[in-house]
Amino acid sequence: MKIILAIHILSVISIAITATAALLVPLEQDKRLVLATRVIYLPLFISGLVLALKTVHAEPVLTIIKIAAALAFVAVLEITFARKINKKPAAIVLSIIALLFFLAAILGIMIIAN
C-alpha cells in the first residue's frame, strides 16, 4: 500500500511540474512536456484506482468526490492543452485547473488521514 501511495504522490508531483511547464513555455516547445504529462497519467490512474478500491469502504463519499475532482482536473487540463494551439489560455481556466488540482490533493490527504 505504501508503494502504491508513493507512486501516486510522485505521479501527482510530476504532473504538476510538467503541466505547469507545458502551459508556460511557447507553443513550439511544449510538445514533449504535453506528451510527458500524458504518459504520467497512466501510473496516476492505476495507482488512483488501487487506492480508491482500498478507501471506498471507509470513506465512500470523499472517495467519489476525489475521483470526480481528479478526472475534472485532467479533462480541463487536456482542454487547455488543445486550446493553447489557437490562443493563450485564459487566467480563469488556469485558476480552475489549480483549484481542481488542490481540491483533489486535499481530498486525497483527508482520505489517507482517516
N, C-alpha and C. Protein backbone atom coordinates (compact mmCIF):
# COMPACT_ATOMS: atom_id res chain seq x y z
N MET A 1 0.83 -1.20 0.00
CA MET A 1 0.00 0.00 0.00
C MET A 1 0.87 1.26 0.00
N LYS A 2 1.98 1.22 0.76
CA LYS A 2 2.85 2.39 0.82
C LYS A 2 3.52 2.65 -0.53
N ILE A 3 3.85 1.60 -1.25
CA ILE A 3 4.48 1.77 -2.56
C ILE A 3 3.48 2.38 -3.55
N ILE A 4 2.24 1.92 -3.51
CA ILE A 4 1.20 2.47 -4.39
C ILE A 4 0.98 3.95 -4.06
N LEU A 5 0.94 4.27 -2.77
CA LEU A 5 0.76 5.66 -2.36
C LEU A 5 1.94 6.52 -2.82
N ALA A 6 3.15 5.99 -2.71
CA ALA A 6 4.33 6.73 -3.16
C ALA A 6 4.29 6.96 -4.67
N ILE A 7 3.90 5.94 -5.43
CA ILE A 7 3.77 6.09 -6.88
C ILE A 7 2.74 7.16 -7.21
N HIS A 8 1.62 7.15 -6.49
CA HIS A 8 0.56 8.12 -6.73
C HIS A 8 1.05 9.54 -6.43
N ILE A 9 1.70 9.71 -5.30
CA ILE A 9 2.19 11.04 -4.92
C ILE A 9 3.25 11.54 -5.91
N LEU A 10 4.17 10.68 -6.31
CA LEU A 10 5.18 11.08 -7.30
C LEU A 10 4.55 11.41 -8.65
N SER A 11 3.51 10.68 -9.02
CA SER A 11 2.81 10.98 -10.28
C SER A 11 2.13 12.34 -10.21
N VAL A 12 1.52 12.64 -9.08
CA VAL A 12 0.85 13.93 -8.91
C VAL A 12 1.86 15.07 -8.98
N ILE A 13 2.98 14.92 -8.29
CA ILE A 13 4.02 15.96 -8.32
C ILE A 13 4.57 16.11 -9.74
N SER A 14 4.79 15.00 -10.42
CA SER A 14 5.31 15.05 -11.79
C SER A 14 4.34 15.74 -12.74
N ILE A 15 3.06 15.44 -12.60
CA ILE A 15 2.06 16.09 -13.46
C ILE A 15 2.00 17.58 -13.16
N ALA A 16 2.09 17.95 -11.90
CA ALA A 16 2.07 19.38 -11.56
C ALA A 16 3.23 20.11 -12.22
N ILE A 17 4.40 19.51 -12.20
CA ILE A 17 5.58 20.15 -12.78
C ILE A 17 5.50 20.19 -14.31
N THR A 18 5.21 19.04 -14.93
CA THR A 18 5.21 19.00 -16.40
C THR A 18 4.05 19.79 -17.00
N ALA A 19 2.89 19.75 -16.37
CA ALA A 19 1.75 20.50 -16.90
C ALA A 19 1.98 22.00 -16.77
N THR A 20 2.52 22.43 -15.63
CA THR A 20 2.82 23.85 -15.46
C THR A 20 3.85 24.31 -16.49
N ALA A 21 4.88 23.52 -16.67
CA ALA A 21 5.90 23.87 -17.66
C ALA A 21 5.31 23.90 -19.07
N ALA A 22 4.46 22.93 -19.39
CA ALA A 22 3.86 22.88 -20.73
C ALA A 22 2.96 24.08 -20.99
N LEU A 23 2.31 24.57 -19.95
CA LEU A 23 1.44 25.73 -20.13
C LEU A 23 2.22 27.04 -20.18
N LEU A 24 3.43 27.05 -19.64
CA LEU A 24 4.21 28.29 -19.60
C LEU A 24 5.14 28.48 -20.79
N VAL A 25 5.62 27.38 -21.37
CA VAL A 25 6.56 27.52 -22.49
C VAL A 25 5.81 27.86 -23.77
N PRO A 26 6.52 28.41 -24.75
CA PRO A 26 5.88 28.71 -26.04
C PRO A 26 5.37 27.44 -26.72
N LEU A 27 4.42 27.61 -27.61
CA LEU A 27 3.75 26.50 -28.29
C LEU A 27 4.73 25.58 -29.02
N GLU A 28 5.78 26.13 -29.59
CA GLU A 28 6.73 25.33 -30.35
C GLU A 28 7.52 24.38 -29.46
N GLN A 29 7.63 24.68 -28.18
CA GLN A 29 8.46 23.89 -27.27
C GLN A 29 7.67 22.99 -26.33
N ASP A 30 6.36 22.99 -26.40
CA ASP A 30 5.58 22.29 -25.39
C ASP A 30 5.23 20.84 -25.73
N LYS A 31 5.54 20.39 -26.93
CA LYS A 31 5.11 19.05 -27.37
C LYS A 31 5.62 17.94 -26.44
N ARG A 32 6.89 17.97 -26.09
CA ARG A 32 7.45 16.92 -25.23
C ARG A 32 6.88 16.98 -23.82
N LEU A 33 6.65 18.18 -23.34
CA LEU A 33 6.09 18.32 -21.99
C LEU A 33 4.65 17.82 -21.94
N VAL A 34 3.88 18.13 -22.96
CA VAL A 34 2.49 17.64 -23.02
C VAL A 34 2.49 16.12 -23.11
N LEU A 35 3.38 15.56 -23.92
CA LEU A 35 3.48 14.11 -24.04
C LEU A 35 3.90 13.48 -22.71
N ALA A 36 4.86 14.09 -22.03
CA ALA A 36 5.29 13.57 -20.72
C ALA A 36 4.14 13.60 -19.72
N THR A 37 3.35 14.67 -19.74
CA THR A 37 2.20 14.75 -18.85
C THR A 37 1.22 13.63 -19.15
N ARG A 38 0.98 13.37 -20.42
CA ARG A 38 0.03 12.31 -20.80
C ARG A 38 0.55 10.93 -20.43
N VAL A 39 1.85 10.72 -20.51
CA VAL A 39 2.42 9.43 -20.12
C VAL A 39 2.28 9.22 -18.61
N ILE A 40 2.41 10.28 -17.85
CA ILE A 40 2.30 10.17 -16.39
C ILE A 40 0.87 9.88 -15.95
N TYR A 41 -0.11 10.14 -16.81
CA TYR A 41 -1.50 9.80 -16.46
C TYR A 41 -1.66 8.32 -16.13
N LEU A 42 -0.95 7.46 -16.85
CA LEU A 42 -1.13 6.01 -16.68
C LEU A 42 -0.81 5.55 -15.25
N PRO A 43 0.38 5.82 -14.70
CA PRO A 43 0.59 5.40 -13.31
C PRO A 43 -0.31 6.13 -12.33
N LEU A 44 -0.68 7.36 -12.67
CA LEU A 44 -1.59 8.10 -11.79
C LEU A 44 -2.95 7.42 -11.73
N PHE A 45 -3.50 7.06 -12.88
CA PHE A 45 -4.82 6.42 -12.90
C PHE A 45 -4.79 5.03 -12.27
N ILE A 46 -3.74 4.26 -12.55
CA ILE A 46 -3.67 2.91 -11.99
C ILE A 46 -3.52 2.96 -10.47
N SER A 47 -2.60 3.78 -9.98
CA SER A 47 -2.42 3.88 -8.53
C SER A 47 -3.65 4.50 -7.88
N GLY A 48 -4.28 5.45 -8.55
CA GLY A 48 -5.51 6.04 -8.01
C GLY A 48 -6.63 5.04 -7.91
N LEU A 49 -6.75 4.17 -8.90
CA LEU A 49 -7.78 3.13 -8.87
C LEU A 49 -7.54 2.16 -7.72
N VAL A 50 -6.29 1.74 -7.54
CA VAL A 50 -5.97 0.82 -6.44
C VAL A 50 -6.25 1.48 -5.09
N LEU A 51 -5.84 2.73 -4.94
CA LEU A 51 -6.09 3.44 -3.68
C LEU A 51 -7.58 3.65 -3.45
N ALA A 52 -8.31 3.96 -4.50
CA ALA A 52 -9.76 4.17 -4.37
C ALA A 52 -10.46 2.89 -3.94
N LEU A 53 -10.04 1.76 -4.48
CA LEU A 53 -10.64 0.49 -4.09
C LEU A 53 -10.36 0.16 -2.63
N LYS A 54 -9.23 0.62 -2.11
CA LYS A 54 -8.89 0.39 -0.70
C LYS A 54 -9.65 1.33 0.24
N THR A 55 -9.97 2.54 -0.22
CA THR A 55 -10.57 3.54 0.67
C THR A 55 -12.07 3.72 0.49
N VAL A 56 -12.64 3.17 -0.55
CA VAL A 56 -14.06 3.42 -0.83
C VAL A 56 -14.97 2.86 0.26
N HIS A 57 -14.54 1.83 0.95
CA HIS A 57 -15.37 1.25 2.01
C HIS A 57 -15.39 2.13 3.25
N ALA A 58 -14.27 2.77 3.55
CA ALA A 58 -14.19 3.62 4.74
C ALA A 58 -14.75 5.02 4.49
N GLU A 59 -14.47 5.58 3.34
CA GLU A 59 -14.89 6.95 3.00
C GLU A 59 -15.49 6.99 1.60
N PRO A 60 -16.70 6.46 1.41
CA PRO A 60 -17.24 6.37 0.04
C PRO A 60 -17.50 7.72 -0.62
N VAL A 61 -18.07 8.66 0.12
CA VAL A 61 -18.42 9.95 -0.47
C VAL A 61 -17.16 10.75 -0.82
N LEU A 62 -16.22 10.82 0.11
CA LEU A 62 -14.98 11.55 -0.17
C LEU A 62 -14.21 10.92 -1.33
N THR A 63 -14.22 9.60 -1.40
CA THR A 63 -13.51 8.92 -2.49
C THR A 63 -14.14 9.26 -3.84
N ILE A 64 -15.46 9.25 -3.91
CA ILE A 64 -16.15 9.58 -5.16
C ILE A 64 -15.90 11.03 -5.56
N ILE A 65 -15.96 11.94 -4.59
CA ILE A 65 -15.72 13.36 -4.88
C ILE A 65 -14.27 13.56 -5.33
N LYS A 66 -13.33 12.85 -4.70
CA LYS A 66 -11.93 12.96 -5.08
C LYS A 66 -11.70 12.46 -6.50
N ILE A 67 -12.33 11.34 -6.84
CA ILE A 67 -12.20 10.81 -8.20
C ILE A 67 -12.78 11.80 -9.21
N ALA A 68 -13.93 12.38 -8.89
CA ALA A 68 -14.55 13.35 -9.80
C ALA A 68 -13.67 14.58 -9.97
N ALA A 69 -13.08 15.07 -8.87
CA ALA A 69 -12.20 16.24 -8.95
C ALA A 69 -10.95 15.93 -9.78
N ALA A 70 -10.38 14.74 -9.60
CA ALA A 70 -9.18 14.36 -10.36
C ALA A 70 -9.49 14.23 -11.85
N LEU A 71 -10.62 13.61 -12.18
CA LEU A 71 -10.99 13.48 -13.59
C LEU A 71 -11.32 14.83 -14.21
N ALA A 72 -11.96 15.71 -13.44
CA ALA A 72 -12.25 17.05 -13.94
C ALA A 72 -10.95 17.82 -14.18
N PHE A 73 -9.98 17.65 -13.28
CA PHE A 73 -8.67 18.28 -13.45
C PHE A 73 -8.02 17.84 -14.76
N VAL A 74 -8.00 16.54 -15.00
CA VAL A 74 -7.38 16.02 -16.22
C VAL A 74 -8.14 16.51 -17.46
N ALA A 75 -9.46 16.52 -17.39
CA ALA A 75 -10.26 16.97 -18.54
C ALA A 75 -10.00 18.44 -18.86
N VAL A 76 -10.03 19.29 -17.85
CA VAL A 76 -9.80 20.72 -18.08
C VAL A 76 -8.36 20.96 -18.54
N LEU A 77 -7.41 20.20 -18.00
CA LEU A 77 -6.02 20.33 -18.43
C LEU A 77 -5.87 19.96 -19.91
N GLU A 78 -6.50 18.88 -20.33
CA GLU A 78 -6.43 18.47 -21.73
C GLU A 78 -7.12 19.49 -22.65
N ILE A 79 -8.23 20.03 -22.22
CA ILE A 79 -8.91 21.07 -23.00
C ILE A 79 -8.00 22.29 -23.13
N THR A 80 -7.31 22.63 -22.06
CA THR A 80 -6.39 23.77 -22.09
C THR A 80 -5.22 23.51 -23.03
N PHE A 81 -4.68 22.28 -23.01
CA PHE A 81 -3.61 21.94 -23.95
C PHE A 81 -4.10 22.11 -25.39
N ALA A 82 -5.30 21.65 -25.68
CA ALA A 82 -5.84 21.74 -27.03
C ALA A 82 -6.10 23.19 -27.43
N ARG A 83 -6.61 23.99 -26.52
CA ARG A 83 -6.91 25.39 -26.84
C ARG A 83 -5.66 26.25 -26.92
N LYS A 84 -4.56 25.78 -26.32
CA LYS A 84 -3.32 26.55 -26.37
C LYS A 84 -2.82 26.68 -27.80
N ILE A 85 -3.20 25.74 -28.65
CA ILE A 85 -2.79 25.80 -30.06
C ILE A 85 -3.35 27.06 -30.72
N ASN A 86 -4.58 27.43 -30.39
CA ASN A 86 -5.22 28.59 -31.01
C ASN A 86 -4.90 29.90 -30.32
N LYS A 87 -4.84 29.87 -28.99
CA LYS A 87 -4.58 31.11 -28.26
C LYS A 87 -4.06 30.78 -26.87
N LYS A 88 -3.59 31.81 -26.19
CA LYS A 88 -3.08 31.66 -24.83
C LYS A 88 -4.23 31.33 -23.89
N PRO A 89 -4.03 30.37 -22.96
CA PRO A 89 -5.10 30.02 -22.02
C PRO A 89 -5.49 31.21 -21.14
N ALA A 90 -6.78 31.33 -20.89
CA ALA A 90 -7.28 32.42 -20.06
C ALA A 90 -6.89 32.19 -18.60
N ALA A 91 -6.78 33.27 -17.87
CA ALA A 91 -6.40 33.19 -16.45
C ALA A 91 -7.44 32.42 -15.65
N ILE A 92 -8.72 32.55 -16.00
CA ILE A 92 -9.77 31.85 -15.27
C ILE A 92 -9.64 30.33 -15.46
N VAL A 93 -9.27 29.90 -16.65
CA VAL A 93 -9.09 28.46 -16.91
C VAL A 93 -7.91 27.93 -16.11
N LEU A 94 -6.83 28.69 -16.06
CA LEU A 94 -5.67 28.27 -15.27
C LEU A 94 -6.02 28.24 -13.78
N SER A 95 -6.85 29.17 -13.35
CA SER A 95 -7.30 29.16 -11.96
C SER A 95 -8.16 27.94 -11.65
N ILE A 96 -9.02 27.57 -12.59
CA ILE A 96 -9.86 26.37 -12.41
C ILE A 96 -8.99 25.12 -12.33
N ILE A 97 -7.97 25.05 -13.18
CA ILE A 97 -7.05 23.90 -13.14
C ILE A 97 -6.37 23.82 -11.77
N ALA A 98 -5.87 24.95 -11.29
CA ALA A 98 -5.20 24.96 -9.98
C ALA A 98 -6.16 24.58 -8.87
N LEU A 99 -7.38 25.10 -8.93
CA LEU A 99 -8.39 24.80 -7.91
C LEU A 99 -8.72 23.31 -7.90
N LEU A 100 -8.93 22.72 -9.06
CA LEU A 100 -9.23 21.28 -9.13
C LEU A 100 -8.05 20.44 -8.66
N PHE A 101 -6.85 20.86 -8.99
CA PHE A 101 -5.66 20.13 -8.54
C PHE A 101 -5.58 20.13 -7.02
N PHE A 102 -5.72 21.30 -6.41
CA PHE A 102 -5.62 21.38 -4.95
C PHE A 102 -6.81 20.73 -4.26
N LEU A 103 -7.98 20.79 -4.87
CA LEU A 103 -9.15 20.10 -4.30
C LEU A 103 -8.92 18.60 -4.27
N ALA A 104 -8.43 18.04 -5.37
CA ALA A 104 -8.15 16.60 -5.41
C ALA A 104 -7.05 16.24 -4.42
N ALA A 105 -6.03 17.08 -4.31
CA ALA A 105 -4.94 16.80 -3.37
C ALA A 105 -5.42 16.84 -1.92
N ILE A 106 -6.20 17.85 -1.58
CA ILE A 106 -6.71 17.97 -0.20
C ILE A 106 -7.64 16.82 0.13
N LEU A 107 -8.51 16.46 -0.80
CA LEU A 107 -9.40 15.31 -0.56
C LEU A 107 -8.60 14.02 -0.40
N GLY A 108 -7.56 13.86 -1.19
CA GLY A 108 -6.70 12.68 -1.05
C GLY A 108 -6.03 12.63 0.31
N ILE A 109 -5.56 13.76 0.78
CA ILE A 109 -4.94 13.82 2.11
C ILE A 109 -5.97 13.52 3.19
N MET A 110 -7.18 14.05 3.04
CA MET A 110 -8.23 13.77 4.02
C MET A 110 -8.58 12.28 4.06
N ILE A 111 -8.63 11.66 2.90
CA ILE A 111 -8.97 10.23 2.85
C ILE A 111 -7.86 9.40 3.50
N ILE A 112 -6.62 9.72 3.20
CA ILE A 112 -5.49 8.97 3.77
C ILE A 112 -5.41 9.20 5.28
N ALA A 113 -5.72 10.41 5.74
CA ALA A 113 -5.62 10.72 7.17
C ALA A 113 -6.65 9.95 7.99
N ASN A 114 -7.78 9.61 7.38
CA ASN A 114 -8.82 8.87 8.13
C ASN A 114 -8.53 7.45 8.11
